[in-house]
Amino acid sequence: MSIPEKNPIGGVWPLGTFTITAGTPISLLSIVGQRVLGQGAFCRQFIISTAGNTGEIYLNDGNVAGKDVNRTVAIIGPAEPSVGVPPDALRMSEMDVTRYYVDGSASGDTVTISAADSRG
């Protein structure tokens, strides 16, 4: 895991680099912890990198293992240098980062995630 960003500035908040154990969901805030904001930790887009991976990465809404037909928000293939989820950043709404977890199909793969256009 990477060192948490304690004082994010600007429009991108690094959440960290996560090492996948297939079937074990990881909270996107497990490295940086909860932001100290009145209404929580929000963003308009996730920037995800799977460079060097061999398996798929799953971004899930909730603490759900693996790929789930009802809870998987995005599936990011291996060796993707930079993928935005959603592809176009939200404009009129925000995503609550506390709700999202990452998992994958191959143990040992890593995924680097940042929250874009976050408050603060």
N, C-alpha and C. Protein backbone atom coordinates (compact mmCIF):
# COMPACT_ATOMS: atom_id res chain seq x y z
N MET A 1 0.83 -1.18 0.00
CA MET A 1 0.00 0.00 0.00
C MET A 1 0.88 1.25 0.00
N SER A 2 0.34 2.31 -0.55
CA SER A 2 1.11 3.55 -0.65
C SER A 2 0.85 4.45 0.56
N ILE A 3 1.64 5.50 0.68
CA ILE A 3 1.51 6.46 1.77
C ILE A 3 0.30 7.34 1.52
N PRO A 4 -0.59 7.52 2.51
CA PRO A 4 -1.79 8.32 2.30
C PRO A 4 -1.50 9.80 2.12
N GLU A 5 -2.31 10.43 1.30
CA GLU A 5 -2.27 11.89 1.13
C GLU A 5 -3.07 12.49 2.28
N LYS A 6 -2.44 13.30 3.11
CA LYS A 6 -3.11 13.84 4.30
C LYS A 6 -3.73 15.20 4.06
N ASN A 7 -3.22 15.95 3.11
CA ASN A 7 -3.72 17.29 2.84
C ASN A 7 -3.94 17.49 1.35
N PRO A 8 -5.00 16.87 0.80
CA PRO A 8 -5.22 16.98 -0.63
C PRO A 8 -5.54 18.41 -1.04
N ILE A 9 -5.00 18.82 -2.17
CA ILE A 9 -5.31 20.13 -2.71
C ILE A 9 -5.62 19.98 -4.19
N GLY A 10 -6.31 20.95 -4.73
CA GLY A 10 -6.62 20.88 -6.15
C GLY A 10 -7.74 19.92 -6.44
N GLY A 11 -7.80 19.43 -7.67
CA GLY A 11 -8.92 18.63 -8.11
C GLY A 11 -8.73 17.14 -8.05
N VAL A 12 -7.57 16.64 -7.58
CA VAL A 12 -7.35 15.19 -7.53
C VAL A 12 -6.88 14.80 -6.13
N TRP A 13 -7.50 13.75 -5.60
CA TRP A 13 -7.17 13.25 -4.26
C TRP A 13 -6.69 11.81 -4.39
N PRO A 14 -5.38 11.54 -4.27
CA PRO A 14 -4.87 10.18 -4.38
C PRO A 14 -5.42 9.29 -3.26
N LEU A 15 -6.07 8.21 -3.61
CA LEU A 15 -6.58 7.26 -2.62
C LEU A 15 -5.56 6.18 -2.32
N GLY A 16 -4.66 5.91 -3.26
CA GLY A 16 -3.59 4.97 -3.00
C GLY A 16 -3.46 3.87 -4.03
N THR A 17 -2.49 3.00 -3.80
CA THR A 17 -2.27 1.81 -4.62
C THR A 17 -2.63 0.61 -3.78
N PHE A 18 -3.57 -0.17 -4.27
CA PHE A 18 -4.12 -1.30 -3.54
C PHE A 18 -3.61 -2.60 -4.15
N THR A 19 -3.23 -3.56 -3.31
CA THR A 19 -2.82 -4.88 -3.77
C THR A 19 -4.01 -5.82 -3.61
N ILE A 20 -4.37 -6.46 -4.70
CA ILE A 20 -5.57 -7.29 -4.75
C ILE A 20 -5.31 -8.69 -4.22
N THR A 21 -6.23 -9.16 -3.39
CA THR A 21 -6.36 -10.57 -3.05
C THR A 21 -7.73 -10.96 -3.58
N ALA A 22 -7.76 -11.73 -4.66
CA ALA A 22 -9.02 -12.04 -5.33
C ALA A 22 -10.07 -12.54 -4.33
N GLY A 23 -11.26 -11.96 -4.40
CA GLY A 23 -12.35 -12.35 -3.51
C GLY A 23 -12.38 -11.61 -2.19
N THR A 24 -11.47 -10.65 -2.01
CA THR A 24 -11.42 -9.87 -0.77
C THR A 24 -11.55 -8.39 -1.09
N PRO A 25 -12.75 -7.82 -0.94
CA PRO A 25 -12.94 -6.41 -1.27
C PRO A 25 -12.16 -5.50 -0.33
N ILE A 26 -11.68 -4.37 -0.89
CA ILE A 26 -10.91 -3.38 -0.12
C ILE A 26 -11.62 -2.04 -0.24
N SER A 27 -11.89 -1.40 0.88
CA SER A 27 -12.50 -0.07 0.87
C SER A 27 -11.55 0.92 0.22
N LEU A 28 -12.10 1.83 -0.61
CA LEU A 28 -11.25 2.85 -1.24
C LEU A 28 -10.66 3.79 -0.21
N LEU A 29 -11.22 3.83 0.99
CA LEU A 29 -10.67 4.69 2.04
C LEU A 29 -9.79 3.93 3.03
N SER A 30 -9.46 2.67 2.73
CA SER A 30 -8.66 1.89 3.68
C SER A 30 -7.26 2.43 3.87
N ILE A 31 -6.71 3.13 2.88
CA ILE A 31 -5.37 3.68 3.00
C ILE A 31 -5.41 5.09 3.59
N VAL A 32 -6.29 5.94 3.07
CA VAL A 32 -6.30 7.34 3.49
C VAL A 32 -7.23 7.62 4.65
N GLY A 33 -8.18 6.75 4.92
CA GLY A 33 -9.15 6.98 5.99
C GLY A 33 -10.21 7.99 5.56
N GLN A 34 -11.18 8.21 6.42
CA GLN A 34 -12.28 9.14 6.12
C GLN A 34 -11.79 10.57 6.09
N ARG A 35 -12.15 11.30 5.05
CA ARG A 35 -11.81 12.72 4.99
C ARG A 35 -12.61 13.47 6.04
N VAL A 36 -12.05 14.48 6.57
CA VAL A 36 -12.74 15.29 7.57
C VAL A 36 -13.52 16.38 6.83
N LEU A 37 -14.71 16.02 6.41
CA LEU A 37 -15.60 16.95 5.73
C LEU A 37 -16.97 16.86 6.39
N GLY A 38 -17.69 17.95 6.36
CA GLY A 38 -19.00 17.97 6.99
C GLY A 38 -19.96 16.95 6.41
N GLN A 39 -19.87 16.69 5.10
CA GLN A 39 -20.83 15.79 4.48
C GLN A 39 -20.19 14.50 3.98
N GLY A 40 -18.95 14.23 4.32
CA GLY A 40 -18.33 12.98 3.91
C GLY A 40 -17.26 13.16 2.85
N ALA A 41 -16.93 12.06 2.20
CA ALA A 41 -15.88 12.04 1.18
C ALA A 41 -16.53 11.87 -0.18
N PHE A 42 -16.52 12.91 -0.99
CA PHE A 42 -17.21 12.89 -2.27
C PHE A 42 -16.27 13.20 -3.41
N CYS A 43 -16.60 12.69 -4.59
CA CYS A 43 -15.85 13.02 -5.80
C CYS A 43 -16.79 12.96 -7.00
N ARG A 44 -16.28 13.40 -8.13
CA ARG A 44 -17.08 13.39 -9.36
C ARG A 44 -16.61 12.32 -10.36
N GLN A 45 -15.42 11.73 -10.07
CA GLN A 45 -14.89 10.69 -10.95
C GLN A 45 -13.74 9.98 -10.25
N PHE A 46 -13.59 8.69 -10.52
CA PHE A 46 -12.43 7.93 -10.09
C PHE A 46 -11.49 7.79 -11.28
N ILE A 47 -10.19 7.96 -11.04
CA ILE A 47 -9.18 7.71 -12.05
C ILE A 47 -8.46 6.43 -11.62
N ILE A 48 -8.51 5.40 -12.47
CA ILE A 48 -8.03 4.07 -12.10
C ILE A 48 -6.95 3.61 -13.08
N SER A 49 -5.84 3.09 -12.53
CA SER A 49 -4.76 2.56 -13.35
C SER A 49 -4.50 1.11 -12.97
N THR A 50 -4.47 0.25 -13.99
CA THR A 50 -4.19 -1.17 -13.77
C THR A 50 -2.94 -1.59 -14.56
N ALA A 51 -2.06 -0.65 -14.81
CA ALA A 51 -0.85 -0.93 -15.59
C ALA A 51 -0.08 -2.11 -15.01
N GLY A 52 0.26 -3.06 -15.87
CA GLY A 52 1.05 -4.22 -15.46
C GLY A 52 0.24 -5.39 -14.91
N ASN A 53 -1.06 -5.26 -14.81
CA ASN A 53 -1.89 -6.33 -14.26
C ASN A 53 -2.16 -7.43 -15.28
N THR A 54 -2.56 -8.59 -14.76
CA THR A 54 -2.94 -9.70 -15.63
C THR A 54 -4.44 -9.98 -15.58
N GLY A 55 -5.12 -9.50 -14.55
CA GLY A 55 -6.54 -9.78 -14.39
C GLY A 55 -7.39 -8.52 -14.42
N GLU A 56 -8.70 -8.72 -14.26
CA GLU A 56 -9.65 -7.61 -14.21
C GLU A 56 -9.73 -7.03 -12.81
N ILE A 57 -10.06 -5.74 -12.73
CA ILE A 57 -10.32 -5.06 -11.47
C ILE A 57 -11.80 -4.71 -11.45
N TYR A 58 -12.44 -4.93 -10.30
CA TYR A 58 -13.86 -4.64 -10.14
C TYR A 58 -14.04 -3.49 -9.16
N LEU A 59 -14.77 -2.45 -9.57
CA LEU A 59 -15.15 -1.37 -8.68
C LEU A 59 -16.59 -1.65 -8.28
N ASN A 60 -16.80 -1.93 -6.99
CA ASN A 60 -18.11 -2.33 -6.50
C ASN A 60 -18.72 -1.28 -5.58
N ASP A 61 -20.01 -1.14 -5.69
CA ASP A 61 -20.79 -0.29 -4.77
C ASP A 61 -21.15 -1.16 -3.58
N GLY A 62 -20.36 -1.07 -2.53
CA GLY A 62 -20.55 -1.88 -1.33
C GLY A 62 -19.46 -2.91 -1.15
N ASN A 63 -19.46 -3.50 0.02
CA ASN A 63 -18.46 -4.49 0.42
C ASN A 63 -18.83 -5.85 -0.17
N VAL A 64 -18.63 -5.98 -1.49
CA VAL A 64 -19.03 -7.17 -2.24
C VAL A 64 -17.79 -7.79 -2.86
N ALA A 65 -17.65 -9.09 -2.71
CA ALA A 65 -16.49 -9.79 -3.28
C ALA A 65 -16.70 -10.07 -4.76
N GLY A 66 -15.62 -9.97 -5.52
CA GLY A 66 -15.63 -10.34 -6.93
C GLY A 66 -16.51 -9.48 -7.80
N LYS A 67 -16.93 -10.08 -8.91
CA LYS A 67 -17.80 -9.40 -9.88
C LYS A 67 -19.23 -9.78 -9.52
N ASP A 68 -20.10 -8.77 -9.35
CA ASP A 68 -21.48 -9.00 -8.95
C ASP A 68 -22.40 -8.26 -9.91
N VAL A 69 -23.37 -8.97 -10.45
CA VAL A 69 -24.25 -8.40 -11.46
C VAL A 69 -25.01 -7.17 -10.94
N ASN A 70 -25.27 -7.09 -9.66
CA ASN A 70 -26.04 -5.98 -9.11
C ASN A 70 -25.18 -4.89 -8.48
N ARG A 71 -23.93 -5.17 -8.14
CA ARG A 71 -23.14 -4.20 -7.37
C ARG A 71 -21.85 -3.76 -8.05
N THR A 72 -21.44 -4.39 -9.14
CA THR A 72 -20.22 -3.98 -9.83
C THR A 72 -20.52 -2.79 -10.73
N VAL A 73 -19.85 -1.68 -10.43
CA VAL A 73 -20.06 -0.43 -11.15
C VAL A 73 -19.21 -0.38 -12.42
N ALA A 74 -17.99 -0.92 -12.33
CA ALA A 74 -17.08 -0.89 -13.48
C ALA A 74 -16.14 -2.09 -13.41
N ILE A 75 -15.78 -2.58 -14.59
CA ILE A 75 -14.77 -3.63 -14.73
C ILE A 75 -13.66 -3.02 -15.57
N ILE A 76 -12.46 -2.97 -15.00
CA ILE A 76 -11.32 -2.38 -15.70
C ILE A 76 -10.37 -3.52 -16.07
N GLY A 77 -10.06 -3.62 -17.34
CA GLY A 77 -9.20 -4.68 -17.85
C GLY A 77 -7.76 -4.49 -17.43
N PRO A 78 -6.93 -5.50 -17.69
CA PRO A 78 -5.51 -5.41 -17.34
C PRO A 78 -4.78 -4.39 -18.21
N ALA A 79 -3.71 -3.85 -17.65
CA ALA A 79 -2.78 -2.96 -18.36
C ALA A 79 -3.43 -1.68 -18.89
N GLU A 80 -4.37 -1.13 -18.14
CA GLU A 80 -4.98 0.15 -18.49
C GLU A 80 -4.25 1.26 -17.73
N PRO A 81 -3.60 2.20 -18.43
CA PRO A 81 -2.82 3.23 -17.74
C PRO A 81 -3.68 4.27 -17.01
N SER A 82 -4.88 4.56 -17.52
CA SER A 82 -5.71 5.59 -16.89
C SER A 82 -7.14 5.50 -17.42
N VAL A 83 -8.05 5.09 -16.54
CA VAL A 83 -9.46 4.94 -16.91
C VAL A 83 -10.29 5.81 -15.97
N GLY A 84 -11.18 6.61 -16.54
CA GLY A 84 -12.09 7.41 -15.73
C GLY A 84 -13.40 6.67 -15.52
N VAL A 85 -13.88 6.65 -14.28
CA VAL A 85 -15.16 6.03 -13.94
C VAL A 85 -15.97 7.04 -13.15
N PRO A 86 -17.09 7.53 -13.70
CA PRO A 86 -17.59 7.31 -15.05
C PRO A 86 -16.67 7.98 -16.08
N PRO A 87 -16.82 7.60 -17.37
CA PRO A 87 -15.91 8.15 -18.40
C PRO A 87 -15.90 9.68 -18.45
N ASP A 88 -17.04 10.31 -18.28
CA ASP A 88 -17.13 11.77 -18.18
C ASP A 88 -17.48 12.11 -16.75
N ALA A 89 -16.69 12.96 -16.13
CA ALA A 89 -16.91 13.31 -14.72
C ALA A 89 -18.33 13.84 -14.50
N LEU A 90 -18.92 13.47 -13.38
CA LEU A 90 -20.25 13.95 -13.04
C LEU A 90 -20.22 15.47 -12.87
N ARG A 91 -21.30 16.13 -13.23
CA ARG A 91 -21.37 17.59 -13.11
C ARG A 91 -22.38 18.06 -12.08
N MET A 92 -23.50 17.39 -12.00
CA MET A 92 -24.58 17.83 -11.12
C MET A 92 -24.74 16.95 -9.88
N SER A 93 -23.91 15.94 -9.75
CA SER A 93 -23.98 15.06 -8.58
C SER A 93 -22.58 14.59 -8.22
N GLU A 94 -22.49 13.85 -7.12
CA GLU A 94 -21.20 13.37 -6.65
C GLU A 94 -21.34 11.93 -6.18
N MET A 95 -20.21 11.22 -6.13
CA MET A 95 -20.18 9.87 -5.59
C MET A 95 -19.60 9.90 -4.19
N ASP A 96 -20.21 9.16 -3.29
CA ASP A 96 -19.73 9.04 -1.92
C ASP A 96 -18.66 7.96 -1.88
N VAL A 97 -17.41 8.37 -1.72
CA VAL A 97 -16.27 7.44 -1.79
C VAL A 97 -16.38 6.34 -0.74
N THR A 98 -17.03 6.60 0.38
CA THR A 98 -17.14 5.61 1.44
C THR A 98 -17.91 4.36 1.01
N ARG A 99 -18.68 4.46 -0.05
CA ARG A 99 -19.52 3.34 -0.52
C ARG A 99 -18.76 2.36 -1.40
N TYR A 100 -17.59 2.73 -1.92
CA TYR A 100 -16.95 1.95 -2.98
C TYR A 100 -15.79 1.09 -2.48
N TYR A 101 -15.71 -0.10 -3.08
CA TYR A 101 -14.69 -1.10 -2.77
C TYR A 101 -14.08 -1.59 -4.08
N VAL A 102 -12.86 -2.08 -4.00
CA VAL A 102 -12.18 -2.62 -5.17
C VAL A 102 -11.83 -4.08 -4.90
N ASP A 103 -11.95 -4.90 -5.92
CA ASP A 103 -11.57 -6.31 -5.87
C ASP A 103 -11.06 -6.67 -7.25
N GLY A 104 -10.62 -7.89 -7.44
CA GLY A 104 -10.10 -8.27 -8.74
C GLY A 104 -10.12 -9.77 -8.96
N SER A 105 -9.78 -10.15 -10.17
CA SER A 105 -9.81 -11.57 -10.54
C SER A 105 -8.47 -12.26 -10.29
N ALA A 106 -7.39 -11.49 -10.09
CA ALA A 106 -6.06 -12.09 -9.93
C ALA A 106 -5.36 -11.54 -8.69
N SER A 107 -5.06 -12.40 -7.75
CA SER A 107 -4.32 -11.98 -6.55
C SER A 107 -2.93 -11.50 -6.95
N GLY A 108 -2.47 -10.46 -6.26
CA GLY A 108 -1.15 -9.91 -6.53
C GLY A 108 -1.17 -8.73 -7.48
N ASP A 109 -2.26 -8.56 -8.25
CA ASP A 109 -2.39 -7.38 -9.10
C ASP A 109 -2.50 -6.14 -8.22
N THR A 110 -2.11 -4.99 -8.76
CA THR A 110 -2.26 -3.73 -8.04
C THR A 110 -3.13 -2.79 -8.86
N VAL A 111 -3.77 -1.87 -8.15
CA VAL A 111 -4.60 -0.87 -8.81
C VAL A 111 -4.36 0.45 -8.07
N THR A 112 -4.12 1.51 -8.84
CA THR A 112 -3.93 2.83 -8.29
C THR A 112 -5.19 3.64 -8.58
N ILE A 113 -5.73 4.27 -7.52
CA ILE A 113 -7.00 4.99 -7.66
C ILE A 113 -6.88 6.39 -7.06
N SER A 114 -7.42 7.36 -7.80
CA SER A 114 -7.53 8.73 -7.31
C SER A 114 -8.98 9.16 -7.46
N ALA A 115 -9.41 10.06 -6.57
CA ALA A 115 -10.73 10.66 -6.66
C ALA A 115 -10.54 12.04 -7.29
N ALA A 116 -11.24 12.29 -8.38
CA ALA A 116 -11.06 13.54 -9.11
C ALA A 116 -12.17 14.54 -8.77
N ASP A 117 -11.78 15.84 -8.78
CA ASP A 117 -12.69 16.94 -8.53
C ASP A 117 -13.38 16.79 -7.19
N SER A 118 -12.60 16.41 -6.19
CA SER A 118 -13.15 16.24 -4.85
C SER A 118 -13.30 17.59 -4.17
N ARG A 119 -14.17 17.64 -3.18
CA ARG A 119 -14.34 18.85 -2.40
C ARG A 119 -13.11 19.09 -1.54
N GLY A 120 -12.92 20.32 -1.17
CA GLY A 120 -11.88 20.62 -0.21
C GLY A 120 -10.81 21.41 -0.74
